[in-house]
Amino acid sequence: MKKRVSVLLTMCLVLGTAAFTGCGKEGGASEAQSKTSEDIVYAVEAGSAGEAVAQENGYKINSVASQADALMEVASGTSDAAIIDLLMAGAMIGEGTSYPNLIHTNELTSEKYGVGCRKGSDLPAFINGVFFQAEKDGSLGEIAETYGVQESLLSFAGTEMSDPSGDGDVAYIQGKGTLIVGITDFAPMDYKDESGKWIGFDADMARKVADALGVEVSFVEIDWDNKIMELDSKNIDVVWNGMTLTDEVLAAMDCSAPYCNNAQVVVIPID
């Protein structure tokens, strides 16, 4: 895998127009075209699945605070490439976006998104139930289509549901009256509209869960590298931000059933 990925990216960065055409879009080579695969610096979000796959493949990395920052690194030329989520790439790069001169090339992984809760929590089953009902009444598909993630959406048909325990996280959240959702700025899952309101597929679904709980929702931006600590310390109640269900996440959290397919992709500049 490592050799194949390195060769494909090097072709895109070194061989110019023909290579970029083969990667999905016509254009000229970037300033990184003279670099070998060993010299390429990849911008990645600290604590993310992108950082993990870069480390696994032995890539030279520049860890930054968010995937949005990783794109800015590539656009400004301070990193040669970035590794980000496919769903974010679809929303943030290419024609008609803020980064028309960036494209994504090969997919490095195949992943699934889930919602993270504290170990032993009864909240994942409650969240699964809300997803199941939203799929049944059609609102899940409508929200997915609003943010362009309908092709990645997974089905909740047959998802096991259970009643809250009475003394678990569901009761705790209902008692304090607020569901606190840990996020980062990550379109199309969680991002702000022109008025400063958090929107996105995950944000809208979190509101549905809060409504079902009978509480308000509060979105809190977190350092993604500290998401487990934020959750365990009860600074937040859920991690809900296009979170890949990695082995580390599954060992540290109890999670909802997966709701979206995703991949980590390489983003490079074109002229």
C-alpha atoms as a PDB file:
ATOM      1  CA  MET A   1       0.000   0.000   0.000  1.00  0.00           C
ATOM      2  CA  LYS A   2       2.734   2.467   1.011  1.00  0.00           C
ATOM      3  CA  LYS A   3       4.694   1.955  -2.188  1.00  0.00           C
ATOM      4  CA  ARG A   4       1.610   2.272  -4.407  1.00  0.00           C
ATOM      5  CA  VAL A   5       0.427   5.461  -2.688  1.00  0.00           C
ATOM      6  CA  SER A   6       3.873   7.061  -2.836  1.00  0.00           C
ATOM      7  CA  VAL A   7       4.246   6.268  -6.522  1.00  0.00           C
ATOM      8  CA  LEU A   8       0.809   7.654  -7.408  1.00  0.00           C
ATOM      9  CA  LEU A   9       1.327  10.883  -5.497  1.00  0.00           C
ATOM     10  CA  THR A  10       4.818  11.343  -6.919  1.00  0.00           C
ATOM     11  CA  MET A  11       3.408  10.920 -10.419  1.00  0.00           C
ATOM     12  CA  CYS A  12       0.828  13.626  -9.724  1.00  0.00           C
ATOM     13  CA  LEU A  13       3.399  16.021  -8.309  1.00  0.00           C
ATOM     14  CA  VAL A  14       6.264  15.342 -10.698  1.00  0.00           C
ATOM     15  CA  LEU A  15       4.956  14.472 -14.139  1.00  0.00           C
ATOM     16  CA  GLY A  16       2.912  17.613 -14.780  1.00  0.00           C
ATOM     17  CA  THR A  17      -0.199  17.969 -16.938  1.00  0.00           C
ATOM     18  CA  ALA A  18      -0.577  14.360 -18.005  1.00  0.00           C
ATOM     19  CA  ALA A  19      -0.338  13.112 -14.422  1.00  0.00           C
ATOM     20  CA  PHE A  20      -2.901  15.623 -13.169  1.00  0.00           C
ATOM     21  CA  THR A  21      -5.261  14.614 -15.950  1.00  0.00           C
ATOM     22  CA  GLY A  22      -4.896  11.013 -14.805  1.00  0.00           C
ATOM     23  CA  CYS A  23      -5.706  12.088 -11.246  1.00  0.00           C
ATOM     24  CA  GLY A  24      -9.053  13.514 -12.265  1.00  0.00           C
ATOM     25  CA  LYS A  25      -8.524  17.068 -13.504  1.00  0.00           C
ATOM     26  CA  GLU A  26      -6.534  18.786 -16.202  1.00  0.00           C
ATOM     27  CA  GLY A  27      -3.988  21.411 -15.224  1.00  0.00           C
ATOM     28  CA  GLY A  28      -0.344  22.292 -14.848  1.00  0.00           C
ATOM     29  CA  ALA A  29       2.077  20.970 -12.250  1.00  0.00           C
ATOM     30  CA  SER A  30       2.539  22.747  -8.921  1.00  0.00           C
ATOM     31  CA  GLU A  31       5.760  24.084  -7.428  1.00  0.00           C
ATOM     32  CA  ALA A  32       6.177  20.738  -5.698  1.00  0.00           C
ATOM     33  CA  GLN A  33       6.753  18.991  -9.021  1.00  0.00           C
ATOM     34  CA  SER A  34      10.522  18.687  -8.470  1.00  0.00           C
ATOM     35  CA  LYS A  35      10.130  16.871  -5.142  1.00  0.00           C
ATOM     36  CA  THR A  36      10.498  13.143  -4.659  1.00  0.00           C
ATOM     37  CA  SER A  37       8.047  11.160  -2.561  1.00  0.00           C
ATOM     38  CA  GLU A  38      10.489  11.187   0.369  1.00  0.00           C
ATOM     39  CA  ASP A  39      10.589  15.018   0.380  1.00  0.00           C
ATOM     40  CA  ILE A  40       6.834  15.636   0.295  1.00  0.00           C
ATOM     41  CA  VAL A  41       5.406  17.209   3.462  1.00  0.00           C
ATOM     42  CA  TYR A  42       1.773  16.344   4.242  1.00  0.00           C
ATOM     43  CA  ALA A  43      -0.362  18.670   6.357  1.00  0.00           C
ATOM     44  CA  VAL A  44      -2.632  16.651   8.669  1.00  0.00           C
ATOM     45  CA  GLU A  45      -4.968  17.391  11.558  1.00  0.00           C
ATOM     46  CA  ALA A  46      -3.417  16.379  14.883  1.00  0.00           C
ATOM     47  CA  GLY A  47      -5.148  13.323  16.337  1.00  0.00           C
ATOM     48  CA  SER A  48      -7.043  12.583  13.127  1.00  0.00           C
ATOM     49  CA  ALA A  49      -7.344   9.484  10.974  1.00  0.00           C
ATOM     50  CA  GLY A  50      -5.341  11.409   8.358  1.00  0.00           C
ATOM     51  CA  GLU A  51      -2.439  11.805  10.751  1.00  0.00           C
ATOM     52  CA  ALA A  52      -2.644   8.118  11.665  1.00  0.00           C
ATOM     53  CA  VAL A  53      -2.482   6.908   8.067  1.00  0.00           C
ATOM     54  CA  ALA A  54       0.384   9.318   7.311  1.00  0.00           C
ATOM     55  CA  GLN A  55       2.360   7.982  10.268  1.00  0.00           C
ATOM     56  CA  GLU A  56       1.554   4.410   9.281  1.00  0.00           C
ATOM     57  CA  ASN A  57       2.991   5.035   5.826  1.00  0.00           C
ATOM     58  CA  GLY A  58       6.061   6.832   7.136  1.00  0.00           C
ATOM     59  CA  TYR A  59       5.201  10.181   5.534  1.00  0.00           C
ATOM     60  CA  LYS A  60       6.822  13.450   6.538  1.00  0.00           C
ATOM     61  CA  ILE A  61       4.038  15.389   8.252  1.00  0.00           C
ATOM     62  CA  ASN A  62       3.100  18.853   9.446  1.00  0.00           C
ATOM     63  CA  SER A  63       0.471  18.462  12.189  1.00  0.00           C
ATOM     64  CA  VAL A  64      -1.991  21.355  12.424  1.00  0.00           C
ATOM     65  CA  ALA A  65      -5.082  22.164  14.479  1.00  0.00           C
ATOM     66  CA  SER A  66      -7.763  21.221  11.924  1.00  0.00           C
ATOM     67  CA  GLN A  67      -8.385  19.827   8.454  1.00  0.00           C
ATOM     68  CA  ALA A  68      -9.301  23.347   7.333  1.00  0.00           C
ATOM     69  CA  ASP A  69      -5.833  24.449   8.461  1.00  0.00           C
ATOM     70  CA  ALA A  70      -4.325  21.553   6.500  1.00  0.00           C
ATOM     71  CA  LEU A  71      -5.964  22.881   3.323  1.00  0.00           C
ATOM     72  CA  MET A  72      -4.673  26.376   4.073  1.00  0.00           C
ATOM     73  CA  GLU A  73      -1.156  24.946   4.413  1.00  0.00           C
ATOM     74  CA  VAL A  74      -1.346  23.464   0.921  1.00  0.00           C
ATOM     75  CA  ALA A  75      -2.949  26.558  -0.607  1.00  0.00           C
ATOM     76  CA  SER A  76      -0.233  28.787   0.863  1.00  0.00           C
ATOM     77  CA  GLY A  77       2.586  26.463  -0.193  1.00  0.00           C
ATOM     78  CA  THR A  78       3.846  25.755   3.330  1.00  0.00           C
ATOM     79  CA  SER A  79       3.010  22.055   2.888  1.00  0.00           C
ATOM     80  CA  ASP A  80       3.137  20.100  -0.358  1.00  0.00           C
ATOM     81  CA  ALA A  81      -0.021  18.063   0.174  1.00  0.00           C
ATOM     82  CA  ALA A  82      -2.694  17.361   2.773  1.00  0.00           C
ATOM     83  CA  ILE A  83      -4.513  14.273   3.944  1.00  0.00           C
ATOM     84  CA  ILE A  84      -8.152  14.981   4.837  1.00  0.00           C
ATOM     85  CA  ASP A  85     -11.563  13.316   4.849  1.00  0.00           C
ATOM     86  CA  LEU A  86     -13.134  12.611   1.468  1.00  0.00           C
ATOM     87  CA  LEU A  87     -16.411  14.232   2.544  1.00  0.00           C
ATOM     88  CA  MET A  88     -14.602  17.434   3.466  1.00  0.00           C
ATOM     89  CA  ALA A  89     -12.672  17.375   0.198  1.00  0.00           C
ATOM     90  CA  GLY A  90     -15.954  17.141  -1.695  1.00  0.00           C
ATOM     91  CA  ALA A  91     -17.257  20.249   0.047  1.00  0.00           C
ATOM     92  CA  MET A  92     -14.114  22.373   0.259  1.00  0.00           C
ATOM     93  CA  ILE A  93     -11.945  21.935  -2.849  1.00  0.00           C
ATOM     94  CA  GLY A  94     -12.360  22.190  -6.619  1.00  0.00           C
ATOM     95  CA  GLU A  95     -14.435  24.428  -8.863  1.00  0.00           C
ATOM     96  CA  GLY A  96     -16.880  26.694  -7.084  1.00  0.00           C
ATOM     97  CA  THR A  97     -15.166  26.408  -3.685  1.00  0.00           C
ATOM     98  CA  SER A  98     -12.689  28.471  -1.688  1.00  0.00           C
ATOM     99  CA  TYR A  99      -9.892  26.269  -3.045  1.00  0.00           C
ATOM    100  CA  PRO A 100     -10.474  25.884  -6.801  1.00  0.00           C
ATOM    101  CA  ASN A 101      -6.804  25.052  -7.401  1.00  0.00           C
ATOM    102  CA  LEU A 102      -6.727  22.025  -5.115  1.00  0.00           C
ATOM    103  CA  ILE A 103      -7.740  18.499  -6.100  1.00  0.00           C
ATOM    104  CA  HIS A 104      -7.776  15.170  -4.311  1.00  0.00           C
ATOM    105  CA  THR A 105      -6.031  12.153  -5.780  1.00  0.00           C
ATOM    106  CA  ASN A 106      -5.948   8.625  -4.404  1.00  0.00           C
ATOM    107  CA  GLU A 107      -7.905   7.285  -1.424  1.00  0.00           C
ATOM    108  CA  LEU A 108      -5.667   5.918   1.319  1.00  0.00           C
ATOM    109  CA  THR A 109      -8.308   4.250   3.493  1.00  0.00           C
ATOM    110  CA  SER A 110     -11.899   3.109   3.726  1.00  0.00           C
ATOM    111  CA  GLU A 111     -13.631   4.288   6.903  1.00  0.00           C
ATOM    112  CA  LYS A 112     -16.923   4.871   8.692  1.00  0.00           C
ATOM    113  CA  TYR A 113     -18.139   7.766  10.843  1.00  0.00           C
ATOM    114  CA  GLY A 114     -19.750   7.350  14.256  1.00  0.00           C
ATOM    115  CA  VAL A 115     -20.755   9.391  17.305  1.00  0.00           C
ATOM    116  CA  GLY A 116     -18.525   9.009  20.353  1.00  0.00           C
ATOM    117  CA  CYS A 117     -19.888   8.756  23.916  1.00  0.00           C
ATOM    118  CA  ARG A 118     -18.383   7.880  27.278  1.00  0.00           C
ATOM    119  CA  LYS A 119     -17.572   4.267  28.124  1.00  0.00           C
ATOM    120  CA  GLY A 120     -20.570   2.505  29.609  1.00  0.00           C
ATOM    121  CA  SER A 121     -22.950   5.201  28.355  1.00  0.00           C
ATOM    122  CA  ASP A 122     -26.562   4.502  27.430  1.00  0.00           C
ATOM    123  CA  LEU A 123     -26.494   7.434  24.987  1.00  0.00           C
ATOM    124  CA  PRO A 124     -25.259   5.516  21.887  1.00  0.00           C
ATOM    125  CA  ALA A 125     -28.389   3.344  21.867  1.00  0.00           C
ATOM    126  CA  PHE A 126     -30.553   6.464  22.220  1.00  0.00           C
ATOM    127  CA  ILE A 127     -28.727   8.124  19.310  1.00  0.00           C
ATOM    128  CA  ASN A 128     -29.156   4.974  17.210  1.00  0.00           C
ATOM    129  CA  GLY A 129     -32.886   5.157  17.895  1.00  0.00           C
ATOM    130  CA  VAL A 130     -33.066   8.763  16.697  1.00  0.00           C
ATOM    131  CA  PHE A 131     -31.175   7.845  13.523  1.00  0.00           C
ATOM    132  CA  PHE A 132     -33.501   4.894  12.968  1.00  0.00           C
ATOM    133  CA  GLN A 133     -36.625   7.047  13.337  1.00  0.00           C
ATOM    134  CA  ALA A 134     -35.155   9.782  11.119  1.00  0.00           C
ATOM    135  CA  GLU A 135     -34.428   7.225   8.424  1.00  0.00           C
ATOM    136  CA  LYS A 136     -37.943   5.851   8.735  1.00  0.00           C
ATOM    137  CA  ASP A 137     -39.670   9.233   8.439  1.00  0.00           C
ATOM    138  CA  GLY A 138     -37.362  10.455   5.647  1.00  0.00           C
ATOM    139  CA  SER A 139     -35.796  13.361   7.541  1.00  0.00           C
ATOM    140  CA  LEU A 140     -32.388  11.650   7.650  1.00  0.00           C
ATOM    141  CA  GLY A 141     -32.231  11.528   3.854  1.00  0.00           C
ATOM    142  CA  GLU A 142     -33.423  15.123   3.564  1.00  0.00           C
ATOM    143  CA  ILE A 143     -30.693  16.374   5.895  1.00  0.00           C
ATOM    144  CA  ALA A 144     -28.076  14.292   4.082  1.00  0.00           C
ATOM    145  CA  GLU A 145     -29.151  15.713   0.726  1.00  0.00           C
ATOM    146  CA  THR A 146     -28.985  19.276   2.080  1.00  0.00           C
ATOM    147  CA  TYR A 147     -25.277  18.826   2.794  1.00  0.00           C
ATOM    148  CA  GLY A 148     -24.410  16.557  -0.120  1.00  0.00           C
ATOM    149  CA  VAL A 149     -23.594  13.421   1.863  1.00  0.00           C
ATOM    150  CA  GLN A 150     -26.525  11.267   0.743  1.00  0.00           C
ATOM    151  CA  GLU A 151     -24.309   8.930  -1.311  1.00  0.00           C
ATOM    152  CA  SER A 152     -22.188   8.168   1.770  1.00  0.00           C
ATOM    153  CA  LEU A 153     -25.098   7.608   4.162  1.00  0.00           C
ATOM    154  CA  LEU A 154     -25.460   4.189   5.794  1.00  0.00           C
ATOM    155  CA  SER A 155     -28.755   2.534   6.723  1.00  0.00           C
ATOM    156  CA  PHE A 156     -29.984   2.170  10.304  1.00  0.00           C
ATOM    157  CA  ALA A 157     -32.645  -0.364   9.384  1.00  0.00           C
ATOM    158  CA  GLY A 158     -32.620  -3.123  11.989  1.00  0.00           C
ATOM    159  CA  THR A 159     -30.437  -1.131  14.402  1.00  0.00           C
ATOM    160  CA  GLU A 160     -30.902  -2.453  17.916  1.00  0.00           C
ATOM    161  CA  MET A 161     -32.511   0.045  20.284  1.00  0.00           C
ATOM    162  CA  SER A 162     -32.812  -0.079  24.055  1.00  0.00           C
ATOM    163  CA  ASP A 163     -34.400   2.021  26.789  1.00  0.00           C
ATOM    164  CA  PRO A 164     -32.186   4.396  28.796  1.00  0.00           C
ATOM    165  CA  SER A 165     -30.924   2.930  32.067  1.00  0.00           C
ATOM    166  CA  GLY A 166     -32.410   5.642  34.293  1.00  0.00           C
ATOM    167  CA  ASP A 167     -29.129   6.571  35.929  1.00  0.00           C
ATOM    168  CA  GLY A 168     -26.866   6.896  32.877  1.00  0.00           C
ATOM    169  CA  ASP A 169     -25.856   9.657  30.497  1.00  0.00           C
ATOM    170  CA  VAL A 170     -29.375  10.105  29.103  1.00  0.00           C
ATOM    171  CA  ALA A 171     -30.727  10.960  32.562  1.00  0.00           C
ATOM    172  CA  TYR A 172     -27.629  13.078  33.318  1.00  0.00           C
ATOM    173  CA  ILE A 173     -28.103  15.164  30.154  1.00  0.00           C
ATOM    174  CA  GLN A 174     -31.825  15.526  30.700  1.00  0.00           C
ATOM    175  CA  GLY A 175     -31.164  16.605  34.284  1.00  0.00           C
ATOM    176  CA  LYS A 176     -28.825  19.430  33.285  1.00  0.00           C
ATOM    177  CA  GLY A 177     -30.960  20.393  30.291  1.00  0.00           C
ATOM    178  CA  THR A 178     -28.210  20.600  27.673  1.00  0.00           C
ATOM    179  CA  LEU A 179     -26.536  18.209  25.234  1.00  0.00           C
ATOM    180  CA  ILE A 180     -22.950  19.481  24.819  1.00  0.00           C
ATOM    181  CA  VAL A 181     -21.507  18.451  21.460  1.00  0.00           C
ATOM    182  CA  GLY A 182     -17.741  18.501  20.895  1.00  0.00           C
ATOM    183  CA  ILE A 183     -16.859  19.562  17.339  1.00  0.00           C
ATOM    184  CA  THR A 184     -14.335  21.243  15.091  1.00  0.00           C
ATOM    185  CA  ASP A 185     -15.020  23.462  12.073  1.00  0.00           C
ATOM    186  CA  PHE A 186     -15.438  20.748   9.448  1.00  0.00           C
ATOM    187  CA  ALA A 187     -17.733  21.235   6.451  1.00  0.00           C
ATOM    188  CA  PRO A 188     -20.077  19.603   5.544  1.00  0.00           C
ATOM    189  CA  MET A 189     -20.480  18.035   8.997  1.00  0.00           C
ATOM    190  CA  ASP A 190     -20.148  21.019  11.367  1.00  0.00           C
ATOM    191  CA  TYR A 191     -19.544  24.603  10.255  1.00  0.00           C
ATOM    192  CA  LYS A 192     -20.970  28.100  10.744  1.00  0.00           C
ATOM    193  CA  ASP A 193     -23.385  29.870   8.423  1.00  0.00           C
ATOM    194  CA  GLU A 194     -23.225  33.604   7.724  1.00  0.00           C
ATOM    195  CA  SER A 195     -25.044  34.394  10.968  1.00  0.00           C
ATOM    196  CA  GLY A 196     -22.592  32.355  13.048  1.00  0.00           C
ATOM    197  CA  LYS A 197     -24.970  29.450  13.667  1.00  0.00           C
ATOM    198  CA  TRP A 198     -23.507  25.948  13.592  1.00  0.00           C
ATOM    199  CA  ILE A 199     -24.959  23.938  10.722  1.00  0.00           C
ATOM    200  CA  GLY A 200     -24.002  20.781   8.831  1.00  0.00           C
ATOM    201  CA  PHE A 201     -25.142  17.180   8.692  1.00  0.00           C
ATOM    202  CA  ASP A 202     -23.787  16.330  12.142  1.00  0.00           C
ATOM    203  CA  ALA A 203     -25.007  19.595  13.685  1.00  0.00           C
ATOM    204  CA  ASP A 204     -28.544  19.063  12.362  1.00  0.00           C
ATOM    205  CA  MET A 205     -28.647  15.465  13.544  1.00  0.00           C
ATOM    206  CA  ALA A 206     -27.333  16.492  16.975  1.00  0.00           C
ATOM    207  CA  ARG A 207     -30.262  18.925  17.209  1.00  0.00           C
ATOM    208  CA  LYS A 208     -32.657  16.064  16.473  1.00  0.00           C
ATOM    209  CA  VAL A 209     -31.112  14.049  19.308  1.00  0.00           C
ATOM    210  CA  ALA A 210     -31.356  17.038  21.651  1.00  0.00           C
ATOM    211  CA  ASP A 211     -35.018  17.487  20.685  1.00  0.00           C
ATOM    212  CA  ALA A 212     -35.697  13.812  21.400  1.00  0.00           C
ATOM    213  CA  LEU A 213     -34.007  14.208  24.796  1.00  0.00           C
ATOM    214  CA  GLY A 214     -36.055  17.322  25.490  1.00  0.00           C
ATOM    215  CA  VAL A 215     -32.977  19.500  26.042  1.00  0.00           C
ATOM    216  CA  GLU A 216     -31.080  22.350  24.400  1.00  0.00           C
ATOM    217  CA  VAL A 217     -27.986  21.716  22.289  1.00  0.00           C
ATOM    218  CA  SER A 218     -24.641  23.478  22.740  1.00  0.00           C
ATOM    219  CA  PHE A 219     -21.743  23.162  20.280  1.00  0.00           C
ATOM    220  CA  VAL A 220     -18.237  23.484  21.719  1.00  0.00           C
ATOM    221  CA  GLU A 221     -15.101  23.611  19.575  1.00  0.00           C
ATOM    222  CA  ILE A 222     -12.454  21.272  20.961  1.00  0.00           C
ATOM    223  CA  ASP A 223      -8.861  20.393  20.283  1.00  0.00           C
ATOM    224  CA  TRP A 224      -9.416  17.218  18.271  1.00  0.00           C
ATOM    225  CA  ASP A 225      -6.298  15.641  19.746  1.00  0.00           C
ATOM    226  CA  ASN A 226      -7.880  15.969  23.215  1.00  0.00           C
ATOM    227  CA  LYS A 227     -11.365  14.684  22.346  1.00  0.00           C
ATOM    228  CA  ILE A 228     -11.181  11.644  24.634  1.00  0.00           C
ATOM    229  CA  MET A 229     -10.063  13.745  27.604  1.00  0.00           C
ATOM    230  CA  GLU A 230     -12.815  16.316  26.928  1.00  0.00           C
ATOM    231  CA  LEU A 231     -15.411  13.540  26.868  1.00  0.00           C
ATOM    232  CA  ASP A 232     -14.202  11.708  29.970  1.00  0.00           C
ATOM    233  CA  SER A 233     -13.968  14.933  31.983  1.00  0.00           C
ATOM    234  CA  LYS A 234     -17.617  15.718  31.050  1.00  0.00           C
ATOM    235  CA  ASN A 235     -16.692  18.995  29.396  1.00  0.00           C
ATOM    236  CA  ILE A 236     -18.711  17.568  26.495  1.00  0.00           C
ATOM    237  CA  ASP A 237     -21.316  14.813  26.248  1.00  0.00           C
ATOM    238  CA  VAL A 238     -20.571  13.530  22.736  1.00  0.00           C
ATOM    239  CA  VAL A 239     -17.902  13.788  20.057  1.00  0.00           C
ATOM    240  CA  TRP A 240     -19.873  14.369  16.870  1.00  0.00           C
ATOM    241  CA  ASN A 241     -17.798  15.732  14.046  1.00  0.00           C
ATOM    242  CA  GLY A 242     -17.265  13.239  11.271  1.00  0.00           C
ATOM    243  CA  MET A 243     -15.313  11.033  13.675  1.00  0.00           C
ATOM    244  CA  THR A 244     -13.712   7.976  12.103  1.00  0.00           C
ATOM    245  CA  LEU A 245     -14.296   4.784  14.056  1.00  0.00           C
ATOM    246  CA  THR A 246     -10.642   3.869  14.519  1.00  0.00           C
ATOM    247  CA  ASP A 247      -9.373   1.166  16.881  1.00  0.00           C
ATOM    248  CA  GLU A 248      -8.225   3.909  19.264  1.00  0.00           C
ATOM    249  CA  VAL A 249     -11.656   5.551  19.284  1.00  0.00           C
ATOM    250  CA  LEU A 250     -13.505   2.260  19.770  1.00  0.00           C
ATOM    251  CA  ALA A 251     -11.199   1.340  22.667  1.00  0.00           C
ATOM    252  CA  ALA A 252     -11.722   4.701  24.401  1.00  0.00           C
ATOM    253  CA  MET A 253     -15.424   5.389  23.727  1.00  0.00           C
ATOM    254  CA  ASP A 254     -18.763   3.691  23.329  1.00  0.00           C
ATOM    255  CA  CYS A 255     -19.989   4.752  19.886  1.00  0.00           C
ATOM    256  CA  SER A 256     -23.159   4.871  17.877  1.00  0.00           C
ATOM    257  CA  ALA A 257     -23.668   2.585  14.924  1.00  0.00           C
ATOM    258  CA  PRO A 258     -21.775   3.940  11.874  1.00  0.00           C
ATOM    259  CA  TYR A 259     -23.787   6.422   9.828  1.00  0.00           C
ATOM    260  CA  CYS A 260     -21.517   7.482   6.932  1.00  0.00           C
ATOM    261  CA  ASN A 261     -18.817   5.998   4.749  1.00  0.00           C
ATOM    262  CA  ASN A 262     -15.620   8.021   4.383  1.00  0.00           C
ATOM    263  CA  ALA A 263     -12.000   7.793   3.234  1.00  0.00           C
ATOM    264  CA  GLN A 264      -8.753   9.660   3.769  1.00  0.00           C
ATOM    265  CA  VAL A 265      -7.588  11.319   0.547  1.00  0.00           C
ATOM    266  CA  VAL A 266      -4.489  13.164  -0.581  1.00  0.00           C
ATOM    267  CA  VAL A 267      -5.019  16.796  -1.616  1.00  0.00           C
ATOM    268  CA  ILE A 268      -2.513  18.501  -3.904  1.00  0.00           C
ATOM    269  CA  PRO A 269      -2.333  21.882  -5.656  1.00  0.00           C
ATOM    270  CA  ILE A 270      -2.506  22.532  -9.379  1.00  0.00           C
ATOM    271  CA  ASP A 271      -1.661  25.690 -11.317  1.00  0.00           C
END
